[in-house]
Structure formats: C-alpha cells, structure tokens
Amino acid sequence: MATPTQPFEGTRFLRSYSRPKSSGASAWWLVRISGIALIPLLVGHYILMHYNPASGHDYGETASRLASPWFKGLYLGFITIGMYHGLVGIWNIMRDYKMKPLLGRTLFGLLVVAGIIFVAVGWNTILTFDPLKP
C-alpha cells in the first residue's frame, strides 16, 4: 500500500521563500499612507474653499490661486491621492462580495480605467488652466 509522500520540511521551507505570496501588506500600507496624506489636504481644502468667503468662489480668485505652482501641485496631489484612496476603498467593498473571477477582473479593470480617466481630466484641467482666458 502506497502512502502519500510528505514533502521534506526543508523543501517546503525553501519553496515558501522562493515563491513569495502576495500578502497584500503593501496595498494596506499604501491605503493608510494615502489616508493620512488626505487629512491635511482635505482640511486645507475645506478651510480654503468653505470657511473663507473671500476665496474660491469666483473666477478671479480661482485664477490667481491656480497661477501658483504650489497650489497646482497641491491640487494635483489631492486629485491623485484622493482618487487612489477612493478607488481602493470601492474595490475592497466590492471584494467582500464573492464574485466570479471574470466579473471581478472586469470590475477591477473598469475601476482602473475610470480612475485613470478621472485623474487625467483633473490633471488636464489644472495643468492647462490659463488665467487669461475667461
């Protein structure tokens, strides 16, 4: 009677290190880091746009703010980090539903494409903004 062969303990140890599994820890850390980065960006945006009645509500103020490279960089970062954080959150909610692999890949692809389009539109709006054009 043949008995099933057990892999040698050392072989299993080497195999586990030769083919590392993706634990998801890097994605977990990126979501936490993007969430921490969003806190000052969101608070700054909220104070600038909603608590200061003199800024952000007319074309002149928006044009003067977007003429500054510092604000452009701030908003480019805000758009990119916010979109990444939001889409990863949506994807994690969707992963809670046990989907078939084809549906999961399709929805993941749609999220990635939608994120790239939204970030591209945001970047295009900020980078091509001309304050001299009304």
Foldseek 3Di string as FASTA:
>chain_A
DDDDDDDDPVVVVVVCVVDPDDPCVVVVVLLVVLVVVLVVLVVVCCCQCPVDVVADPDLVRVLVQLVDPVSLVSQLSNLLSVLSNVLVVVLVVVVVDPDDVVVNVVVNVVSVVVSVVSSVVSNCCSVVDDSVPD
